[in-house]
Amino acid sequence: MITYASGTRAGGLHEENQDRLAADPAAGTFVVADGIGGLADAALTARAVVEQLPLRVCERVTAIGAPGAARAAAEAAAELNDRVRDTARSGPGTTGAATALLLVRGGLALAVHLGDSRIYLARDGLLARLTDDHVHEGRLTRFVGMPGRADPDVSVHELSAGDRVLLCTDGLVHSVGDEELRAILTTAGDVEGVCERLLGAAAAGGAIDDVSVIAVQYGTGRWDDGAAQQR
């Protein structure tokens, strides 16, 4: 069983919230996208990512554990990158979005990401980051809509009952430290409460960028019975 909750909070950097998110637990797909501020149509690009990338990945990946699954997911992201770049209303190189996608099937999770949106795994009171930011000297080096061929990081992870996975845009991690993230994600309660606490922590931390989160719980167990402990 998969349960999830999501939420978004507009920052003050742009006239509109340029983050977008989508979840389809039946298909096992969860995705966040962060339109790059300062580029044209950033919010529209983020919307295109969350609408199209899950479908493209699902079409290509029939089984996460199958040979070639990671390569197939990477090809799906690369194709979307080409489409976004080549159909940008203001021309190639004028728009883009960081993105993180999770596909959950059969006890496995496939993570696909470009940019500085992140995916975390919470298990047994510990927090592990499943993605590395594509950033150099404060600038994104990979994103959907980038020039040339997009080369996303793709990884596969085993899930255990009770695991929690967090997908988030960079507005969260710039305002909430890893220890606070761990404490929130490993505290007993439902994922709706987790999302509320994450957004509240971002506001308290002075977040000025848009913040979007999806908290996914795989199976039932340790978080719902009051047995979770902070370490």
C-alpha atoms as a PDB file:
ATOM      1  CA  MET A   1       0.000   0.000   0.000  1.00  0.00           C
ATOM      2  CA  ILE A   2       1.215   3.488  -0.863  1.00  0.00           C
ATOM      3  CA  THR A   3      -0.094   6.635   0.797  1.00  0.00           C
ATOM      4  CA  TYR A   4       1.053  10.158   0.095  1.00  0.00           C
ATOM      5  CA  ALA A   5       0.426  13.807   0.794  1.00  0.00           C
ATOM      6  CA  SER A   6       1.655  16.905  -0.969  1.00  0.00           C
ATOM      7  CA  GLY A   7       1.753  20.638  -0.543  1.00  0.00           C
ATOM      8  CA  THR A   8       3.251  23.795  -1.972  1.00  0.00           C
ATOM      9  CA  ARG A   9       4.006  27.255  -0.652  1.00  0.00           C
ATOM     10  CA  ALA A  10       4.669  30.281  -2.843  1.00  0.00           C
ATOM     11  CA  GLY A  11       7.788  32.279  -2.115  1.00  0.00           C
ATOM     12  CA  GLY A  12       8.440  35.924  -2.779  1.00  0.00           C
ATOM     13  CA  LEU A  13      10.950  35.694  -5.621  1.00  0.00           C
ATOM     14  CA  HIS A  14       8.416  35.554  -8.462  1.00  0.00           C
ATOM     15  CA  GLU A  15       4.964  36.841  -9.270  1.00  0.00           C
ATOM     16  CA  GLU A  16       3.634  33.284  -9.314  1.00  0.00           C
ATOM     17  CA  ASN A  17       4.557  29.956  -7.793  1.00  0.00           C
ATOM     18  CA  GLN A  18       6.796  28.355 -10.427  1.00  0.00           C
ATOM     19  CA  ASP A  19       6.802  24.913  -8.789  1.00  0.00           C
ATOM     20  CA  ARG A  20       4.533  22.141  -9.981  1.00  0.00           C
ATOM     21  CA  LEU A  21       3.921  18.663  -8.573  1.00  0.00           C
ATOM     22  CA  ALA A  22       1.881  15.583  -9.418  1.00  0.00           C
ATOM     23  CA  ALA A  23       1.170  12.187  -7.895  1.00  0.00           C
ATOM     24  CA  ASP A  24      -0.523   9.071  -9.212  1.00  0.00           C
ATOM     25  CA  PRO A  25      -0.311   6.328  -6.553  1.00  0.00           C
ATOM     26  CA  ALA A  26      -2.103   3.854  -8.811  1.00  0.00           C
ATOM     27  CA  ALA A  27       0.695   4.187 -11.361  1.00  0.00           C
ATOM     28  CA  GLY A  28       3.298   4.587  -8.614  1.00  0.00           C
ATOM     29  CA  THR A  29       4.546   7.939  -9.925  1.00  0.00           C
ATOM     30  CA  PHE A  30       5.425  11.049  -7.935  1.00  0.00           C
ATOM     31  CA  VAL A  31       7.138  14.111  -9.380  1.00  0.00           C
ATOM     32  CA  VAL A  32       8.116  17.674  -8.477  1.00  0.00           C
ATOM     33  CA  ALA A  33       9.389  20.300 -10.893  1.00  0.00           C
ATOM     34  CA  ASP A  34      10.853  23.734 -10.189  1.00  0.00           C
ATOM     35  CA  GLY A  35      10.672  26.221 -13.053  1.00  0.00           C
ATOM     36  CA  ILE A  36      13.941  28.105 -13.280  1.00  0.00           C
ATOM     37  CA  GLY A  37      13.476  31.697 -12.147  1.00  0.00           C
ATOM     38  CA  GLY A  38      14.522  34.286 -14.671  1.00  0.00           C
ATOM     39  CA  LEU A  39      13.800  32.070 -17.666  1.00  0.00           C
ATOM     40  CA  ALA A  40      10.735  32.468 -19.838  1.00  0.00           C
ATOM     41  CA  ASP A  41       7.630  30.371 -19.216  1.00  0.00           C
ATOM     42  CA  ALA A  42       9.217  28.690 -16.174  1.00  0.00           C
ATOM     43  CA  ALA A  43       5.899  27.710 -14.623  1.00  0.00           C
ATOM     44  CA  LEU A  44       4.570  26.368 -17.931  1.00  0.00           C
ATOM     45  CA  THR A  45       7.704  24.299 -18.351  1.00  0.00           C
ATOM     46  CA  ALA A  46       7.387  22.867 -14.831  1.00  0.00           C
ATOM     47  CA  ARG A  47       3.784  21.979 -15.617  1.00  0.00           C
ATOM     48  CA  ALA A  48       4.804  20.234 -18.837  1.00  0.00           C
ATOM     49  CA  VAL A  49       7.380  18.209 -16.903  1.00  0.00           C
ATOM     50  CA  VAL A  50       4.964  16.909 -14.262  1.00  0.00           C
ATOM     51  CA  GLU A  51       2.351  16.122 -16.890  1.00  0.00           C
ATOM     52  CA  GLN A  52       4.612  14.384 -19.400  1.00  0.00           C
ATOM     53  CA  LEU A  53       7.625  12.859 -17.630  1.00  0.00           C
ATOM     54  CA  PRO A  54       5.686  10.284 -15.539  1.00  0.00           C
ATOM     55  CA  LEU A  55       3.839   9.088 -18.638  1.00  0.00           C
ATOM     56  CA  ARG A  56       7.037   8.815 -20.669  1.00  0.00           C
ATOM     57  CA  VAL A  57       8.827   6.896 -17.936  1.00  0.00           C
ATOM     58  CA  CYS A  58       5.903   4.516 -17.402  1.00  0.00           C
ATOM     59  CA  GLU A  59       5.723   3.828 -21.130  1.00  0.00           C
ATOM     60  CA  ARG A  60       9.382   2.843 -21.244  1.00  0.00           C
ATOM     61  CA  VAL A  61       9.875   1.129 -17.872  1.00  0.00           C
ATOM     62  CA  THR A  62       7.825  -2.042 -17.595  1.00  0.00           C
ATOM     63  CA  ALA A  63       9.651  -3.425 -14.541  1.00  0.00           C
ATOM     64  CA  ILE A  64      12.091  -1.477 -12.380  1.00  0.00           C
ATOM     65  CA  GLY A  65      14.269  -4.520 -11.777  1.00  0.00           C
ATOM     66  CA  ALA A  66      14.488  -5.434 -15.453  1.00  0.00           C
ATOM     67  CA  PRO A  67      17.772  -4.997 -17.337  1.00  0.00           C
ATOM     68  CA  GLY A  68      17.843  -1.639 -19.061  1.00  0.00           C
ATOM     69  CA  ALA A  69      15.202  -0.007 -16.858  1.00  0.00           C
ATOM     70  CA  ALA A  70      17.512   2.808 -15.771  1.00  0.00           C
ATOM     71  CA  ARG A  71      18.613   3.440 -19.339  1.00  0.00           C
ATOM     72  CA  ALA A  72      14.982   3.504 -20.501  1.00  0.00           C
ATOM     73  CA  ALA A  73      14.065   6.070 -17.854  1.00  0.00           C
ATOM     74  CA  ALA A  74      17.040   8.210 -18.845  1.00  0.00           C
ATOM     75  CA  GLU A  75      15.958   8.085 -22.484  1.00  0.00           C
ATOM     76  CA  ALA A  76      12.467   9.214 -21.512  1.00  0.00           C
ATOM     77  CA  ALA A  77      13.884  12.236 -19.702  1.00  0.00           C
ATOM     78  CA  ALA A  78      16.252  13.023 -22.576  1.00  0.00           C
ATOM     79  CA  GLU A  79      13.394  12.951 -25.081  1.00  0.00           C
ATOM     80  CA  LEU A  80      11.331  15.289 -22.939  1.00  0.00           C
ATOM     81  CA  ASN A  81      14.310  17.613 -22.615  1.00  0.00           C
ATOM     82  CA  ASP A  82      14.580  17.822 -26.392  1.00  0.00           C
ATOM     83  CA  ARG A  83      10.889  18.541 -26.768  1.00  0.00           C
ATOM     84  CA  VAL A  84      10.830  21.243 -24.083  1.00  0.00           C
ATOM     85  CA  ARG A  85      13.940  22.922 -25.458  1.00  0.00           C
ATOM     86  CA  ASP A  86      12.925  22.798 -29.111  1.00  0.00           C
ATOM     87  CA  THR A  87       9.340  23.971 -28.567  1.00  0.00           C
ATOM     88  CA  ALA A  88      10.090  26.841 -26.160  1.00  0.00           C
ATOM     89  CA  ARG A  89       8.019  29.844 -27.189  1.00  0.00           C
ATOM     90  CA  SER A  90      11.006  32.180 -26.940  1.00  0.00           C
ATOM     91  CA  GLY A  91      13.372  29.764 -28.657  1.00  0.00           C
ATOM     92  CA  PRO A  92      15.841  27.081 -27.547  1.00  0.00           C
ATOM     93  CA  GLY A  93      17.723  27.765 -24.347  1.00  0.00           C
ATOM     94  CA  THR A  94      15.124  30.134 -22.909  1.00  0.00           C
ATOM     95  CA  THR A  95      13.274  27.921 -20.435  1.00  0.00           C
ATOM     96  CA  GLY A  96      13.855  25.038 -18.083  1.00  0.00           C
ATOM     97  CA  ALA A  97      12.913  23.208 -14.893  1.00  0.00           C
ATOM     98  CA  ALA A  98      14.682  21.129 -12.270  1.00  0.00           C
ATOM     99  CA  THR A  99      12.841  17.904 -11.581  1.00  0.00           C
ATOM    100  CA  ALA A 100      12.789  14.821  -9.385  1.00  0.00           C
ATOM    101  CA  LEU A 101      10.631  11.796 -10.153  1.00  0.00           C
ATOM    102  CA  LEU A 102       9.968   8.610  -8.210  1.00  0.00           C
ATOM    103  CA  LEU A 103       8.474   5.447  -9.711  1.00  0.00           C
ATOM    104  CA  VAL A 104       7.435   2.782  -7.177  1.00  0.00           C
ATOM    105  CA  ARG A 105       6.679  -0.791  -8.238  1.00  0.00           C
ATOM    106  CA  GLY A 106       7.026  -4.176  -6.600  1.00  0.00           C
ATOM    107  CA  GLY A 107       9.063  -3.122  -3.601  1.00  0.00           C
ATOM    108  CA  LEU A 108      11.481  -1.070  -5.697  1.00  0.00           C
ATOM    109  CA  ALA A 109      11.775   2.673  -6.259  1.00  0.00           C
ATOM    110  CA  LEU A 110      13.349   4.224  -9.329  1.00  0.00           C
ATOM    111  CA  ALA A 111      14.555   7.809  -8.884  1.00  0.00           C
ATOM    112  CA  VAL A 112      15.130  10.127 -11.854  1.00  0.00           C
ATOM    113  CA  HIS A 113      16.399  13.658 -11.406  1.00  0.00           C
ATOM    114  CA  LEU A 114      17.881  16.671 -13.144  1.00  0.00           C
ATOM    115  CA  GLY A 115      18.867  19.789 -11.209  1.00  0.00           C
ATOM    116  CA  ASP A 116      18.585  20.578  -7.521  1.00  0.00           C
ATOM    117  CA  SER A 117      15.195  19.188  -6.573  1.00  0.00           C
ATOM    118  CA  ARG A 118      15.836  16.304  -4.175  1.00  0.00           C
ATOM    119  CA  ILE A 119      14.636  12.882  -3.037  1.00  0.00           C
ATOM    120  CA  TYR A 120      15.181  11.619   0.529  1.00  0.00           C
ATOM    121  CA  LEU A 121      14.512   8.250   2.164  1.00  0.00           C
ATOM    122  CA  ALA A 122      13.582   8.014   5.858  1.00  0.00           C
ATOM    123  CA  ARG A 123      13.996   4.620   7.527  1.00  0.00           C
ATOM    124  CA  ASP A 124      14.529   3.499  11.132  1.00  0.00           C
ATOM    125  CA  GLY A 125      15.037   7.029  12.399  1.00  0.00           C
ATOM    126  CA  LEU A 126      17.661   7.837   9.781  1.00  0.00           C
ATOM    127  CA  LEU A 127      17.537  10.049   6.694  1.00  0.00           C
ATOM    128  CA  ALA A 128      19.393   9.308   3.450  1.00  0.00           C
ATOM    129  CA  ARG A 129      19.585  11.548   0.416  1.00  0.00           C
ATOM    130  CA  LEU A 130      19.038   9.648  -2.832  1.00  0.00           C
ATOM    131  CA  THR A 131      20.044  12.444  -5.229  1.00  0.00           C
ATOM    132  CA  ASP A 132      23.016  14.733  -5.764  1.00  0.00           C
ATOM    133  CA  ASP A 133      22.445  18.327  -6.880  1.00  0.00           C
ATOM    134  CA  HIS A 134      23.473  19.251 -10.403  1.00  0.00           C
ATOM    135  CA  VAL A 135      24.859  22.659  -9.490  1.00  0.00           C
ATOM    136  CA  HIS A 136      28.182  24.382 -10.142  1.00  0.00           C
ATOM    137  CA  GLU A 137      29.054  27.804  -8.790  1.00  0.00           C
ATOM    138  CA  GLY A 138      25.420  28.481  -8.031  1.00  0.00           C
ATOM    139  CA  ARG A 139      24.120  27.541 -11.472  1.00  0.00           C
ATOM    140  CA  LEU A 140      22.218  24.459 -12.557  1.00  0.00           C
ATOM    141  CA  THR A 141      24.257  22.221 -14.820  1.00  0.00           C
ATOM    142  CA  ARG A 142      21.416  19.876 -15.736  1.00  0.00           C
ATOM    143  CA  PHE A 143      17.694  20.522 -16.121  1.00  0.00           C
ATOM    144  CA  VAL A 144      14.781  19.777 -18.422  1.00  0.00           C
ATOM    145  CA  GLY A 145      15.079  22.185 -21.335  1.00  0.00           C
ATOM    146  CA  MET A 146      18.883  22.394 -21.204  1.00  0.00           C
ATOM    147  CA  PRO A 147      21.023  22.732 -24.341  1.00  0.00           C
ATOM    148  CA  GLY A 148      22.418  19.486 -25.702  1.00  0.00           C
ATOM    149  CA  ARG A 149      21.534  16.061 -24.414  1.00  0.00           C
ATOM    150  CA  ALA A 150      20.074  15.758 -20.930  1.00  0.00           C
ATOM    151  CA  ASP A 151      21.755  13.080 -18.824  1.00  0.00           C
ATOM    152  CA  PRO A 152      19.646  12.504 -15.708  1.00  0.00           C
ATOM    153  CA  ASP A 153      20.833  10.594 -12.678  1.00  0.00           C
ATOM    154  CA  VAL A 154      18.806   7.386 -12.365  1.00  0.00           C
ATOM    155  CA  SER A 155      19.019   5.042  -9.389  1.00  0.00           C
ATOM    156  CA  VAL A 156      17.082   2.063  -8.037  1.00  0.00           C
ATOM    157  CA  HIS A 157      16.394   1.471  -4.341  1.00  0.00           C
ATOM    158  CA  GLU A 158      14.762  -1.328  -2.370  1.00  0.00           C
ATOM    159  CA  LEU A 159      11.852  -0.280  -0.161  1.00  0.00           C
ATOM    160  CA  SER A 160      10.808  -1.722   3.184  1.00  0.00           C
ATOM    161  CA  ALA A 161       7.405  -1.514   4.844  1.00  0.00           C
ATOM    162  CA  GLY A 162       7.093   1.798   6.643  1.00  0.00           C
ATOM    163  CA  ASP A 163       9.664   3.663   4.558  1.00  0.00           C
ATOM    164  CA  ARG A 164       8.981   7.302   3.868  1.00  0.00           C
ATOM    165  CA  VAL A 165      10.254   9.080   0.777  1.00  0.00           C
ATOM    166  CA  LEU A 166      10.323  12.850   0.363  1.00  0.00           C
ATOM    167  CA  LEU A 167      10.449  14.666  -2.960  1.00  0.00           C
ATOM    168  CA  CYS A 168      11.034  18.400  -2.680  1.00  0.00           C
ATOM    169  CA  THR A 169      12.125  21.496  -4.551  1.00  0.00           C
ATOM    170  CA  ASP A 170      15.186  23.438  -3.439  1.00  0.00           C
ATOM    171  CA  GLY A 171      13.127  26.051  -1.613  1.00  0.00           C
ATOM    172  CA  LEU A 172      12.722  23.534   1.219  1.00  0.00           C
ATOM    173  CA  VAL A 173      16.349  22.521   1.633  1.00  0.00           C
ATOM    174  CA  HIS A 174      17.567  26.124   1.522  1.00  0.00           C
ATOM    175  CA  SER A 175      15.460  26.927   4.578  1.00  0.00           C
ATOM    176  CA  VAL A 176      15.314  23.638   6.535  1.00  0.00           C
ATOM    177  CA  GLY A 177      18.425  21.733   7.599  1.00  0.00           C
ATOM    178  CA  ASP A 178      18.957  18.000   7.262  1.00  0.00           C
ATOM    179  CA  GLU A 179      18.534  17.333  10.985  1.00  0.00           C
ATOM    180  CA  GLU A 180      15.169  19.085  11.057  1.00  0.00           C
ATOM    181  CA  LEU A 181      14.113  17.214   7.933  1.00  0.00           C
ATOM    182  CA  ARG A 182      15.063  13.939   9.593  1.00  0.00           C
ATOM    183  CA  ALA A 183      13.173  14.806  12.764  1.00  0.00           C
ATOM    184  CA  ILE A 184      10.003  15.682  10.865  1.00  0.00           C
ATOM    185  CA  LEU A 185      10.107  12.673   8.569  1.00  0.00           C
ATOM    186  CA  THR A 186      10.824  10.156  11.343  1.00  0.00           C
ATOM    187  CA  THR A 187       8.202  11.382  13.794  1.00  0.00           C
ATOM    188  CA  ALA A 188       5.050   9.271  14.256  1.00  0.00           C
ATOM    189  CA  GLY A 189       1.948  10.510  12.472  1.00  0.00           C
ATOM    190  CA  ASP A 190       0.454  10.535   9.001  1.00  0.00           C
ATOM    191  CA  VAL A 191       2.022  11.949   5.857  1.00  0.00           C
ATOM    192  CA  GLU A 192      -0.484  14.812   5.781  1.00  0.00           C
ATOM    193  CA  GLY A 193       0.964  16.009   9.065  1.00  0.00           C
ATOM    194  CA  VAL A 194       4.481  15.548   7.701  1.00  0.00           C
ATOM    195  CA  CYS A 195       3.760  17.857   4.770  1.00  0.00           C
ATOM    196  CA  GLU A 196       2.195  20.471   7.021  1.00  0.00           C
ATOM    197  CA  ARG A 197       5.226  20.424   9.315  1.00  0.00           C
ATOM    198  CA  LEU A 198       7.642  20.645   6.403  1.00  0.00           C
ATOM    199  CA  LEU A 199       5.902  23.672   4.922  1.00  0.00           C
ATOM    200  CA  GLY A 200       5.681  25.253   8.360  1.00  0.00           C
ATOM    201  CA  ALA A 201       9.390  24.669   8.947  1.00  0.00           C
ATOM    202  CA  ALA A 202      10.193  26.270   5.590  1.00  0.00           C
ATOM    203  CA  ALA A 203       8.178  29.351   6.505  1.00  0.00           C
ATOM    204  CA  ALA A 204       9.832  29.521   9.926  1.00  0.00           C
ATOM    205  CA  GLY A 205      13.217  29.130   8.252  1.00  0.00           C
ATOM    206  CA  GLY A 206      12.628  32.209   6.127  1.00  0.00           C
ATOM    207  CA  ALA A 207      12.068  30.491   2.770  1.00  0.00           C
ATOM    208  CA  ILE A 208      11.965  33.085   0.011  1.00  0.00           C
ATOM    209  CA  ASP A 209      11.733  30.648  -2.890  1.00  0.00           C
ATOM    210  CA  ASP A 210       8.750  28.469  -3.761  1.00  0.00           C
ATOM    211  CA  VAL A 211       8.556  25.272  -1.709  1.00  0.00           C
ATOM    212  CA  SER A 212       6.891  22.055  -2.859  1.00  0.00           C
ATOM    213  CA  VAL A 213       6.879  18.670  -1.134  1.00  0.00           C
ATOM    214  CA  ILE A 214       5.489  15.175  -1.674  1.00  0.00           C
ATOM    215  CA  ALA A 215       5.721  12.735   1.233  1.00  0.00           C
ATOM    216  CA  VAL A 216       5.248   9.100   0.236  1.00  0.00           C
ATOM    217  CA  GLN A 217       4.773   6.262   2.716  1.00  0.00           C
ATOM    218  CA  TYR A 218       5.368   2.726   1.551  1.00  0.00           C
ATOM    219  CA  GLY A 219       3.302   0.215   3.477  1.00  0.00           C
ATOM    220  CA  THR A 220       2.156   0.665   7.050  1.00  0.00           C
ATOM    221  CA  GLY A 221       3.871   0.279  10.361  1.00  0.00           C
ATOM    222  CA  ARG A 222       6.298   2.220  12.412  1.00  0.00           C
ATOM    223  CA  TRP A 223       5.041   5.742  11.800  1.00  0.00           C
ATOM    224  CA  ASP A 224       1.376   5.221  12.650  1.00  0.00           C
ATOM    225  CA  ASP A 225       1.544   3.498  16.011  1.00  0.00           C
ATOM    226  CA  GLY A 226       3.446   6.091  18.014  1.00  0.00           C
ATOM    227  CA  ALA A 227       6.521   3.874  18.101  1.00  0.00           C
ATOM    228  CA  ALA A 228       8.775   6.120  16.033  1.00  0.00           C
ATOM    229  CA  GLN A 229      11.595   7.657  17.983  1.00  0.00           C
ATOM    230  CA  GLN A 230      13.890  10.519  17.181  1.00  0.00           C
ATOM    231  CA  ARG A 231      17.583   9.697  17.439  1.00  0.00           C
END
